Amino acid sequence: MLMTQWFWMRWSILGFCWGLFCLVWLIGALYNFLRAPAVQKQAGSLYPWVIGIAVVIIGEWLIPQSFWVRLTFDALWLRIIGSISLVLATAFTLWARVVLGQMWSSAPIARMGHQLRTDGPYRLSRHPIYTGVLGMLLGTMLMSGLGFYAGLFLLGIVIFEIKLHQEERLLRETFGEEYLRYQRRVPQLLPGLRWKKGEEGNHD
């Protein structure tokens, strides 16, 4: 009975959080397509996402299910931590998306009249959307007892690291010293985590 209740609760939380995330992103993408300023400069492409999706499909096909079963842990405390993490990370991600507004895009770009966001969640992380999505992946992984979702979480880290390098380079080119000062003041991903050295340069 308890396992059945958890099954439905888990999928309810997952469905609500990821469904809300997708809905907000879809509405935001459509709005930006119609109203956002023109693109002035672009760095990188959507290839990291395409490659990531391909890796997930191929990995699920090639790696036997028994491998993921050995990595799966069924613990109530893990589920609770994962559920809380997913809800909080979803709220943080949506907050960052709303604050970024028309400056958001799926690929690293600079728009006409581009504004550097440093308020709201951008006071805590230079890339709070990535922080939030990784938190959502972490929460999903913990709720599911690791397993296959551990691979998705690690893949997400790799993809975001590639995109972070592209975006940081573009932001430095676009905003110059203004972004370097922001970079020295605010951590890249994890709020409160500061590097002792290399703060003035690219510490990705």
Protein backbone atom coordinates (compact mmCIF):
# COMPACT_ATOMS: atom_id res chain seq x y z
CA MET A 1 0.00 0.00 0.00
CA LEU A 2 2.81 2.37 0.98
CA MET A 3 4.73 1.63 -2.22
CA THR A 4 1.61 2.28 -4.30
CA GLN A 5 1.05 5.64 -2.59
CA TRP A 6 4.67 6.61 -3.17
CA PHE A 7 4.42 5.56 -6.83
CA TRP A 8 1.55 7.95 -7.48
CA MET A 9 3.04 10.71 -5.33
CA ARG A 10 6.37 10.45 -7.13
CA TRP A 11 4.85 10.69 -10.57
CA SER A 12 2.56 13.51 -9.45
CA ILE A 13 5.50 15.58 -8.23
CA LEU A 14 7.61 14.75 -11.29
CA GLY A 15 4.74 15.45 -13.67
CA PHE A 16 3.85 18.77 -12.03
CA CYS A 17 7.42 20.10 -11.81
CA TRP A 18 8.65 19.04 -15.24
CA GLY A 19 5.27 19.77 -16.84
CA LEU A 20 5.26 23.31 -15.42
CA PHE A 21 8.85 23.76 -16.54
CA CYS A 22 8.04 22.69 -20.12
CA LEU A 23 4.89 24.84 -20.23
CA VAL A 24 6.71 27.98 -19.08
CA TRP A 25 9.56 27.33 -21.54
CA LEU A 26 7.18 26.78 -24.43
CA ILE A 27 5.21 29.95 -23.71
CA GLY A 28 8.42 31.92 -23.18
CA ALA A 29 9.96 30.62 -26.41
CA LEU A 30 6.87 31.55 -28.42
CA TYR A 31 6.73 35.00 -26.82
CA ASN A 32 10.44 35.64 -27.48
CA PHE A 33 10.08 34.45 -31.08
CA LEU A 34 7.44 37.12 -31.62
CA ARG A 35 8.63 39.96 -29.37
CA ALA A 36 12.31 39.59 -28.44
CA PRO A 37 14.93 41.95 -29.97
CA ALA A 38 16.91 40.74 -32.99
CA VAL A 39 20.00 38.59 -32.49
CA GLN A 40 23.23 40.57 -32.76
CA LYS A 41 25.83 37.92 -32.02
CA GLN A 42 25.79 34.15 -31.47
CA ALA A 43 28.29 31.72 -29.96
CA GLY A 44 27.93 27.97 -30.19
CA SER A 45 24.80 26.18 -31.31
CA LEU A 46 22.14 23.68 -30.29
CA TYR A 47 24.48 20.77 -31.01
CA PRO A 48 25.15 19.99 -27.32
CA TRP A 49 21.41 19.36 -26.82
CA VAL A 50 21.16 17.23 -29.98
CA ILE A 51 24.22 15.20 -28.97
CA GLY A 52 22.87 14.83 -25.43
CA ILE A 53 19.54 13.45 -26.64
CA ALA A 54 21.36 11.06 -28.97
CA VAL A 55 23.58 9.84 -26.11
CA VAL A 56 20.51 9.17 -23.92
CA ILE A 57 18.78 7.16 -26.66
CA ILE A 58 21.88 5.19 -27.60
CA GLY A 59 22.86 4.65 -23.95
CA GLU A 60 19.44 3.31 -23.02
CA TRP A 61 19.60 0.96 -25.99
CA LEU A 62 23.16 -0.30 -25.42
CA ILE A 63 23.43 -0.41 -21.62
CA PRO A 64 21.53 -3.37 -20.14
CA GLN A 65 18.79 -2.70 -17.60
CA SER A 66 20.59 -4.89 -15.08
CA PHE A 67 23.40 -2.31 -14.91
CA TRP A 68 21.02 0.45 -13.81
CA VAL A 69 19.27 -1.88 -11.36
CA ARG A 70 22.58 -2.37 -9.52
CA LEU A 71 22.84 1.42 -9.15
CA THR A 72 19.30 1.81 -7.81
CA PHE A 73 18.73 2.37 -4.08
CA ASP A 74 15.32 2.33 -2.44
CA ALA A 75 15.38 4.55 0.64
CA LEU A 76 12.64 6.76 2.05
CA TRP A 77 15.05 9.51 3.13
CA LEU A 78 16.45 9.64 -0.41
CA ARG A 79 12.95 10.09 -1.84
CA ILE A 80 12.11 12.88 0.61
CA ILE A 81 15.33 14.80 -0.09
CA GLY A 82 14.79 14.33 -3.82
CA SER A 83 11.19 15.56 -3.68
CA ILE A 84 12.13 18.70 -1.74
CA SER A 85 15.10 19.35 -4.04
CA LEU A 86 12.97 19.01 -7.18
CA VAL A 87 10.27 21.40 -5.95
CA LEU A 88 12.76 24.04 -4.75
CA ALA A 89 14.90 23.75 -7.89
CA THR A 90 11.82 24.09 -10.11
CA ALA A 91 10.79 27.29 -8.32
CA PHE A 92 14.34 28.66 -8.62
CA THR A 93 14.51 27.81 -12.32
CA LEU A 94 11.18 29.48 -13.13
CA TRP A 95 12.17 32.54 -11.10
CA ALA A 96 15.36 32.87 -13.15
CA ARG A 97 13.49 32.40 -16.42
CA VAL A 98 10.98 35.13 -15.56
CA VAL A 99 13.74 37.57 -14.54
CA LEU A 100 15.73 36.87 -17.72
CA GLY A 101 12.65 37.61 -19.85
CA GLN A 102 13.33 38.49 -23.48
CA MET A 103 17.08 38.01 -23.07
CA TRP A 104 16.58 34.21 -22.86
CA SER A 105 17.44 31.88 -25.74
CA SER A 106 18.18 28.18 -26.16
CA ALA A 107 21.59 28.94 -27.72
CA PRO A 108 24.22 31.44 -26.48
CA ILE A 109 23.32 34.74 -28.17
CA ALA A 110 23.50 38.50 -27.62
CA ARG A 111 20.48 40.52 -28.72
CA MET A 112 20.21 44.12 -29.80
CA GLY A 113 20.26 46.23 -26.65
CA HIS A 114 21.17 43.14 -24.60
CA GLN A 115 20.95 43.71 -20.85
CA LEU A 116 23.15 41.95 -18.34
CA ARG A 117 20.91 40.54 -15.61
CA THR A 118 22.43 40.85 -12.14
CA ASP A 119 19.29 41.02 -9.99
CA GLY A 120 17.06 38.37 -8.45
CA PRO A 121 18.55 34.87 -8.77
CA TYR A 122 21.41 36.36 -10.80
CA ARG A 123 22.76 37.76 -7.54
CA LEU A 124 23.25 34.16 -6.38
CA SER A 125 24.47 32.48 -9.57
CA ARG A 126 25.67 33.78 -12.94
CA HIS A 127 23.67 31.02 -14.63
CA PRO A 128 20.72 30.35 -12.30
CA ILE A 129 18.66 28.57 -14.97
CA TYR A 130 21.42 25.98 -15.34
CA THR A 131 21.72 25.83 -11.55
CA GLY A 132 17.99 25.19 -11.30
CA VAL A 133 17.78 22.59 -14.07
CA LEU A 134 20.71 20.66 -12.60
CA GLY A 135 18.91 20.83 -9.26
CA MET A 136 15.79 19.45 -10.92
CA LEU A 137 17.81 16.61 -12.44
CA LEU A 138 19.41 15.94 -9.06
CA GLY A 139 16.02 15.86 -7.35
CA THR A 140 14.62 13.54 -10.02
CA MET A 141 17.62 11.25 -9.62
CA LEU A 142 17.25 11.06 -5.82
CA MET A 143 13.49 10.50 -6.03
CA SER A 144 14.11 7.63 -8.43
CA GLY A 145 16.84 6.01 -6.33
CA LEU A 146 19.62 6.96 -8.80
CA GLY A 147 19.75 4.21 -11.45
CA PHE A 148 19.31 5.47 -15.04
CA TYR A 149 18.70 9.00 -13.79
CA ALA A 150 22.24 9.15 -12.39
CA GLY A 151 23.46 8.89 -15.98
CA LEU A 152 21.11 11.70 -17.03
CA PHE A 153 22.37 13.91 -14.22
CA LEU A 154 26.02 13.39 -15.20
CA LEU A 155 25.18 14.00 -18.85
CA GLY A 156 23.43 17.23 -17.86
CA ILE A 157 26.58 18.42 -16.09
CA VAL A 158 28.67 17.76 -19.22
CA ILE A 159 26.21 19.56 -21.55
CA PHE A 160 25.90 22.58 -19.29
CA GLU A 161 29.65 22.82 -18.87
CA ILE A 162 30.02 23.04 -22.65
CA LYS A 163 27.33 25.70 -22.87
CA LEU A 164 28.78 27.62 -19.94
CA HIS A 165 32.12 28.00 -21.72
CA GLN A 166 30.33 29.32 -24.81
CA GLU A 167 28.12 31.73 -22.88
CA GLU A 168 30.83 33.08 -20.61
CA ARG A 169 33.03 33.87 -23.61
CA LEU A 170 30.16 35.64 -25.38
CA LEU A 171 29.22 37.62 -22.27
CA ARG A 172 32.79 38.82 -21.78
CA GLU A 173 32.96 39.89 -25.43
CA THR A 174 29.60 41.69 -25.16
CA PHE A 175 29.88 43.41 -21.78
CA GLY A 176 33.65 43.57 -21.21
CA GLU A 177 34.72 44.89 -17.82
CA GLU A 178 31.13 45.02 -16.58
CA TYR A 179 30.87 41.24 -16.90
CA LEU A 180 34.35 40.68 -15.44
CA ARG A 181 33.31 42.58 -12.32
CA TYR A 182 30.10 40.54 -12.14
CA GLN A 183 32.12 37.36 -12.65
CA ARG A 184 34.38 38.23 -9.74
CA ARG A 185 31.40 38.98 -7.50
CA VAL A 186 28.99 36.10 -8.23
CA PRO A 187 29.74 32.36 -8.45
CA GLN A 188 29.19 30.57 -11.74
CA LEU A 189 26.66 27.92 -10.68
CA LEU A 190 26.49 27.08 -6.99
CA PRO A 191 25.37 29.94 -4.70
CA GLY A 192 27.97 30.59 -2.02
CA LEU A 193 30.71 28.62 -3.78
CA ARG A 194 33.67 30.87 -4.56
CA TRP A 195 37.04 30.03 -6.04
CA LYS A 196 40.05 31.19 -4.08
CA LYS A 197 42.07 31.77 -7.23
CA GLY A 198 41.33 32.76 -10.78
CA GLU A 199 38.28 34.85 -9.98
CA GLU A 200 39.35 37.54 -12.44
CA GLY A 201 39.46 35.20 -15.38
CA ASN A 202 37.38 32.41 -16.77
CA HIS A 203 37.12 29.87 -13.97
CA ASP A 204 34.66 27.59 -15.77
